[in-house]
Amino acid sequence: MEMALPGRRKRRALPASEIGFRICNYSFMVLLCVTTLYPFLFLLASSFSGGDLSVNGFSLIPREFTTGNYVRILSNRLIGIGYKNTLFRTIVGTALSLLATFALAYPLAKRTFPNRTFWTGLVVFTMFFSGGMIPNYLLVRSLSLIDTPWALILPELISAYNLVIMRNYIMAIPASLEESARIDGANDIVILFRIVAPICKPVLATLALWISVWHWNAWFDSMIYMTKADGQVVQLVMRRIVLEGSDQLTQMIGMDTSQYYTTEGLKGATIVVATLPILLAYPFIQKYFVRGVMMGSLKG
C-alpha cells in the first residue's frame, strides 16, 4: 500500500476545459503585454538611434547607438523651462488639491452636517454640467491669472469625482474613533489631521497618483492661458516638437548642422524625457491603489 509523504499534497488533474481556458487566458495576457510594451520600446530605440529609421529600418537594438538626441533635448532652453513649470504645477497642484479635497470631503461625510444630501448632489451635478471653455477663460482672465502658474492649478483644484471617492472612504471610518478623541479633548482640526488623515492614507495616495498624472500630462490649459514661452509646460513643448516639421524642429531645438541628428530620434527622446519621471512614481504608490479605490466605492 502506497503511503503519502507528510507535507505533500496530491495534485488534482485539471479538466480539459480549464486547461484550455488557462492557455487562452495566458496567450491573451502575453499578447496584451506585447502590444502595450511595443510603443515604449519603439520610442526608446528610436531615441538612442543615430541613423535614419526610414532608411535603415526599425530595430529594437539601434544600429547606430548614440546619446546625442538626449544631450540635444536636455540642453534646450524650452525643455528646461517646461520641466520647471511642470514640476511646480505637479507638486504644488497635487498638494493643494489633496488638501482642499480632503477638507471638503470630511464635512460631507458627516451625517450631522446640515443639508448634506443637497451639497453632495450639487457637487455631483458639476460632473455632468460645466460652464464650458469660454466662460472658464473669461473667469481666469477676470481674476488676472493669465500667464501665471495659478491659472493651471486653481481652476481644477477640486475634482468632483475625487471628492466623492474621498467622501465615501471617510464614511467607512467608524464614528467611535472620533467620539473617543472628543472625550480626550481633541477638537475637529486635531481629529481631522491626527486621526482621520492617517486612516485615509490609501485613498490619499491613490488620489495623489491620479492628480499628479493629470497635472503632468496636461497641456491644453497651458496653451490657452500661457501666452509666453516661459510659462509653458513640458508637455506643450513636447507637442510642438513632435508635431512640427523637420525645418521648424531644427529651428526650435537649435540643431547644430555640423552634427547629424534625426527628426525621429529627437522626437523619441523628447517623449521619453517627458514621460519617464511620472512612470517612476507608479511603483511607490501601487500598493495603495487598489485598496484606496475599493474602499472609496463601498458606501454611497
Protein backbone atom coordinates (compact mmCIF):
# COMPACT_ATOMS: atom_id res chain seq x y z
CA MET A 1 0.00 0.00 0.00
CA GLU A 2 1.42 3.35 -1.08
CA MET A 3 1.73 5.85 1.77
CA ALA A 4 1.53 9.60 1.14
CA LEU A 5 4.52 11.52 2.35
CA PRO A 6 3.73 14.07 5.07
CA GLY A 7 3.53 17.69 3.90
CA ARG A 8 2.99 16.75 0.25
CA ARG A 9 -0.35 17.22 -1.42
CA LYS A 10 -1.51 15.08 -4.27
CA ARG A 11 -2.08 17.23 -7.34
CA ARG A 12 -5.54 17.24 -8.78
CA ALA A 13 -5.74 16.67 -12.51
CA LEU A 14 -7.19 19.69 -14.28
CA PRO A 15 -10.09 19.13 -16.65
CA ALA A 16 -9.55 19.82 -20.32
CA SER A 17 -11.87 22.85 -20.25
CA GLU A 18 -9.83 24.56 -17.52
CA ILE A 19 -6.55 23.82 -19.31
CA GLY A 20 -7.94 25.35 -22.48
CA PHE A 21 -9.13 28.40 -20.56
CA ARG A 22 -5.71 28.93 -18.98
CA ILE A 23 -3.96 28.62 -22.32
CA CYS A 24 -6.28 31.20 -23.89
CA ASN A 25 -6.01 33.48 -20.86
CA TYR A 26 -2.19 33.38 -20.74
CA SER A 27 -1.96 33.86 -24.50
CA PHE A 28 -4.22 36.89 -24.35
CA MET A 29 -2.23 38.41 -21.48
CA VAL A 30 1.08 37.88 -23.30
CA LEU A 31 -0.35 39.47 -26.44
CA LEU A 32 -1.67 42.40 -24.40
CA CYS A 33 1.73 42.92 -22.76
CA VAL A 34 3.49 42.84 -26.13
CA THR A 35 1.11 45.35 -27.71
CA THR A 36 1.45 47.60 -24.65
CA LEU A 37 5.24 47.49 -24.43
CA TYR A 38 5.94 47.76 -28.15
CA PRO A 39 5.28 51.54 -28.44
CA PHE A 40 7.61 52.22 -25.48
CA LEU A 41 10.31 50.01 -26.94
CA PHE A 42 9.90 51.72 -30.30
CA LEU A 43 10.31 55.18 -28.77
CA LEU A 44 13.24 54.06 -26.62
CA ALA A 45 15.05 52.50 -29.57
CA SER A 46 14.43 55.47 -31.84
CA SER A 47 15.61 57.90 -29.14
CA PHE A 48 19.01 56.15 -29.00
CA SER A 49 19.26 55.75 -32.77
CA GLY A 50 21.61 57.98 -34.71
CA GLY A 51 20.60 56.72 -38.13
CA ASP A 52 17.58 57.45 -40.25
CA LEU A 53 14.87 54.90 -39.46
CA SER A 54 13.22 55.42 -42.82
CA VAL A 55 16.42 54.18 -44.49
CA ASN A 56 17.85 51.67 -42.04
CA GLY A 57 14.52 50.33 -40.80
CA PHE A 58 13.43 49.84 -37.21
CA SER A 59 15.24 47.55 -34.79
CA LEU A 60 14.87 47.10 -31.04
CA ILE A 61 18.66 47.38 -30.85
CA PRO A 62 19.75 50.64 -32.57
CA ARG A 63 22.28 50.05 -35.36
CA GLU A 64 23.89 53.43 -34.70
CA PHE A 65 23.68 53.88 -30.92
CA THR A 66 24.01 57.44 -29.67
CA THR A 67 23.00 59.59 -26.73
CA GLY A 68 23.25 62.78 -28.76
CA ASN A 69 19.47 63.08 -29.03
CA TYR A 70 19.10 63.26 -25.25
CA VAL A 71 22.01 65.68 -24.93
CA ARG A 72 20.42 67.96 -27.50
CA ILE A 73 16.97 67.81 -25.94
CA LEU A 74 18.12 68.29 -22.33
CA SER A 75 20.34 71.22 -23.28
CA ASN A 76 17.44 73.01 -24.96
CA ARG A 77 16.16 76.06 -23.07
CA LEU A 78 12.48 75.34 -23.75
CA ILE A 79 12.71 71.85 -22.26
CA GLY A 80 14.34 73.20 -19.09
CA ILE A 81 11.70 75.88 -18.65
CA GLY A 82 8.92 73.41 -19.37
CA TYR A 83 10.28 70.97 -16.79
CA LYS A 84 10.44 73.69 -14.15
CA ASN A 85 6.86 74.77 -14.81
CA THR A 86 5.59 71.18 -14.91
CA LEU A 87 7.32 70.26 -11.65
CA PHE A 88 5.88 73.32 -9.91
CA ARG A 89 2.44 72.60 -11.28
CA THR A 90 2.53 68.92 -10.37
CA ILE A 91 3.93 69.28 -6.84
CA VAL A 92 2.04 72.37 -5.73
CA GLY A 93 -1.13 71.49 -7.60
CA THR A 94 -1.27 67.96 -6.19
CA ALA A 95 -0.63 69.12 -2.62
CA LEU A 96 -3.25 71.88 -2.74
CA SER A 97 -5.78 69.67 -4.49
CA LEU A 98 -5.41 66.90 -1.90
CA LEU A 99 -5.72 69.39 0.96
CA ALA A 100 -8.82 71.08 -0.49
CA THR A 101 -10.48 67.78 -1.44
CA PHE A 102 -9.80 66.26 1.98
CA ALA A 103 -11.04 69.35 3.84
CA LEU A 104 -14.29 69.45 1.82
CA ALA A 105 -14.94 65.69 1.86
CA TYR A 106 -14.69 65.46 5.66
CA PRO A 107 -17.81 67.52 6.50
CA LEU A 108 -19.77 66.00 3.61
CA ALA A 109 -19.09 62.56 5.11
CA LYS A 110 -20.71 63.50 8.43
CA ARG A 111 -24.35 62.57 8.88
CA THR A 112 -24.82 65.53 11.22
CA PHE A 113 -23.76 68.02 8.54
CA PRO A 114 -26.78 70.25 7.67
CA ASN A 115 -28.25 69.63 4.21
CA ARG A 116 -25.54 67.09 3.41
CA THR A 117 -27.56 65.47 0.61
CA PHE A 118 -28.13 68.81 -1.10
CA TRP A 119 -24.46 69.82 -1.05
CA THR A 120 -23.35 66.38 -2.21
CA GLY A 121 -25.85 66.49 -5.06
CA LEU A 122 -24.60 69.95 -6.01
CA VAL A 123 -21.06 68.59 -6.26
CA VAL A 124 -22.19 65.61 -8.35
CA PHE A 125 -24.13 67.98 -10.63
CA THR A 126 -20.85 69.59 -11.75
CA MET A 127 -19.67 66.19 -13.03
CA PHE A 128 -22.32 66.29 -15.77
CA PHE A 129 -22.66 70.00 -16.50
CA SER A 130 -19.99 72.71 -16.67
CA GLY A 131 -19.73 76.30 -17.82
CA GLY A 132 -17.57 75.49 -20.82
CA MET A 133 -14.20 76.61 -22.10
CA ILE A 134 -15.06 80.24 -22.92
CA PRO A 135 -16.63 81.07 -19.52
CA ASN A 136 -13.66 79.42 -17.82
CA TYR A 137 -11.25 81.55 -19.84
CA LEU A 138 -13.19 84.72 -19.06
CA LEU A 139 -13.15 83.84 -15.37
CA VAL A 140 -9.41 83.19 -15.36
CA ARG A 141 -8.77 86.45 -17.22
CA SER A 142 -11.01 88.45 -14.87
CA LEU A 143 -9.02 87.10 -11.92
CA SER A 144 -5.76 88.26 -13.58
CA LEU A 145 -4.37 84.73 -13.68
CA ILE A 146 -3.29 84.77 -17.34
CA ASP A 147 0.44 83.97 -17.72
CA THR A 148 0.68 82.86 -14.09
CA PRO A 149 1.13 79.26 -12.88
CA TRP A 150 -2.03 79.59 -10.76
CA ALA A 151 -4.10 79.55 -13.95
CA LEU A 152 -3.06 75.89 -14.30
CA ILE A 153 -3.81 74.97 -10.67
CA LEU A 154 -6.79 76.89 -9.25
CA PRO A 155 -9.46 76.19 -11.96
CA GLU A 156 -9.06 72.42 -11.46
CA LEU A 157 -8.29 72.49 -7.75
CA ILE A 158 -11.11 70.14 -6.72
CA SER A 159 -12.42 67.29 -8.86
CA ALA A 160 -15.98 66.20 -8.12
CA TYR A 161 -15.10 62.57 -8.83
CA ASN A 162 -12.13 62.61 -6.44
CA LEU A 163 -14.27 64.36 -3.85
CA VAL A 164 -16.91 61.62 -3.97
CA ILE A 165 -14.24 58.91 -3.65
CA MET A 166 -12.72 60.68 -0.63
CA ARG A 167 -16.14 61.25 0.97
CA ASN A 168 -17.15 57.60 0.63
CA TYR A 169 -13.86 56.45 2.14
CA ILE A 170 -14.27 58.72 5.18
CA MET A 171 -17.83 57.49 5.67
CA ALA A 172 -16.45 53.96 6.16
CA ILE A 173 -14.39 55.06 9.20
CA PRO A 174 -16.10 54.06 12.50
CA ALA A 175 -17.58 57.03 14.33
CA SER A 176 -16.34 55.60 17.64
CA LEU A 177 -12.79 56.72 16.82
CA GLU A 178 -13.80 60.36 16.66
CA GLU A 179 -16.01 60.07 19.72
CA SER A 180 -13.12 58.68 21.76
CA ALA A 181 -10.90 61.52 20.59
CA ARG A 182 -13.50 64.13 21.58
CA ILE A 183 -13.75 62.61 25.03
CA ASP A 184 -9.98 63.06 25.35
CA GLY A 185 -10.36 66.75 24.45
CA ALA A 186 -9.42 66.77 20.75
CA ASN A 187 -11.04 69.38 18.51
CA ASP A 188 -12.09 69.00 14.87
CA ILE A 189 -8.71 70.05 13.43
CA VAL A 190 -6.83 67.54 15.59
CA ILE A 191 -9.27 64.77 14.71
CA LEU A 192 -9.02 65.60 11.01
CA PHE A 193 -5.22 65.57 10.74
CA ARG A 194 -4.18 63.25 13.59
CA ILE A 195 -6.84 60.52 13.35
CA VAL A 196 -8.73 60.66 10.06
CA ALA A 197 -5.79 61.57 7.79
CA PRO A 198 -3.57 58.56 8.76
CA ILE A 199 -6.50 56.20 8.20
CA CYS A 200 -7.12 57.78 4.77
CA LYS A 201 -3.54 57.19 3.63
CA PRO A 202 -4.52 54.60 0.93
CA VAL A 203 -7.12 56.83 -0.72
CA LEU A 204 -4.89 59.89 -0.36
CA ALA A 205 -2.08 58.05 -2.14
CA THR A 206 -4.47 56.91 -4.86
CA LEU A 207 -5.82 60.40 -5.47
CA ALA A 208 -2.30 61.83 -5.35
CA LEU A 209 -1.36 59.47 -8.17
CA TRP A 210 -4.38 60.45 -10.26
CA ILE A 211 -3.91 64.18 -9.71
CA SER A 212 -0.16 64.17 -10.31
CA VAL A 213 -0.55 62.18 -13.54
CA TRP A 214 -3.22 64.59 -14.73
CA HIS A 215 -1.10 67.65 -13.94
CA TRP A 216 1.97 66.13 -15.55
CA ASN A 217 0.21 65.22 -18.79
CA ALA A 218 -1.95 68.35 -19.11
CA TRP A 219 -1.04 70.77 -21.88
CA PHE A 220 -4.26 72.23 -23.31
CA ASP A 221 -4.85 74.73 -20.49
CA SER A 222 -1.22 75.85 -20.78
CA MET A 223 -1.76 76.53 -24.48
CA ILE A 224 -4.82 78.66 -23.66
CA TYR A 225 -3.71 80.55 -20.56
CA MET A 226 0.03 80.92 -21.25
CA THR A 227 0.85 83.43 -23.98
CA LYS A 228 4.59 83.49 -23.21
CA ALA A 229 7.02 80.64 -23.83
CA ASP A 230 8.45 81.00 -20.31
CA GLY A 231 5.14 79.84 -18.82
CA GLN A 232 4.56 76.73 -20.95
CA VAL A 233 4.77 73.23 -19.52
CA VAL A 234 6.95 70.44 -20.86
CA GLN A 235 4.05 68.55 -22.42
CA LEU A 236 3.19 71.58 -24.58
CA VAL A 237 6.83 71.90 -25.60
CA MET A 238 6.86 68.18 -26.44
CA ARG A 239 3.70 68.59 -28.52
CA ARG A 240 5.32 71.37 -30.54
CA ILE A 241 8.46 69.30 -31.11
CA VAL A 242 6.53 66.20 -32.15
CA LEU A 243 4.09 67.98 -34.47
CA GLU A 244 6.47 70.44 -36.11
CA GLY A 245 8.15 69.55 -39.38
CA SER A 246 11.88 68.94 -39.73
CA ASP A 247 12.72 72.56 -40.64
CA GLN A 248 10.71 74.02 -37.76
CA LEU A 249 12.11 71.36 -35.44
CA THR A 250 15.67 72.30 -36.40
CA GLN A 251 14.96 75.93 -35.62
CA MET A 252 13.13 75.15 -32.36
CA ILE A 253 15.77 72.83 -30.94
CA GLY A 254 18.65 74.89 -32.27
CA MET A 255 20.15 71.87 -34.02
CA ASP A 256 23.84 72.08 -34.86
CA THR A 257 24.23 71.48 -38.58
CA SER A 258 27.76 70.15 -38.06
CA GLN A 259 26.34 67.12 -36.24
CA TYR A 260 23.84 64.61 -37.55
CA TYR A 261 20.55 64.30 -35.73
CA THR A 262 17.38 62.66 -36.94
CA THR A 263 13.91 64.05 -36.50
CA GLU A 264 12.62 60.67 -35.30
CA GLY A 265 15.41 60.37 -32.74
CA LEU A 266 14.77 63.84 -31.32
CA LYS A 267 11.04 63.23 -31.12
CA GLY A 268 11.56 59.88 -29.40
CA ALA A 269 14.00 61.38 -26.89
CA THR A 270 11.55 64.21 -26.16
CA ILE A 271 8.69 61.81 -25.44
CA VAL A 272 10.85 59.62 -23.20
CA VAL A 273 12.16 62.62 -21.27
CA ALA A 274 8.63 63.98 -20.77
CA THR A 275 7.10 60.61 -19.81
CA LEU A 276 9.72 58.78 -17.74
CA PRO A 277 9.51 60.82 -14.47
CA ILE A 278 5.81 60.21 -13.92
CA LEU A 279 6.21 56.49 -14.75
CA LEU A 280 8.75 56.17 -11.94
CA ALA A 281 6.12 57.28 -9.40
CA TYR A 282 3.84 54.30 -10.05
CA PRO A 283 5.81 51.59 -8.15
CA PHE A 284 5.80 53.65 -4.93
CA ILE A 285 2.02 54.20 -4.88
CA GLN A 286 0.80 50.97 -6.47
CA LYS A 287 0.32 49.14 -3.15
CA TYR A 288 -2.25 51.75 -2.07
CA PHE A 289 -4.02 51.96 -5.41
CA VAL A 290 -6.47 49.03 -5.36
CA ARG A 291 -7.25 49.31 -1.66
CA GLY A 292 -7.97 53.03 -1.94
CA VAL A 293 -10.31 52.66 -4.90
CA MET A 294 -12.22 49.68 -3.46
CA MET A 295 -12.69 51.25 -0.04
CA GLY A 296 -13.79 54.54 -1.59
CA SER A 297 -16.53 52.84 -3.62
CA LEU A 298 -18.21 50.84 -0.84
CA LYS A 299 -20.60 53.42 0.54
CA GLY A 300 -22.79 55.94 -1.23
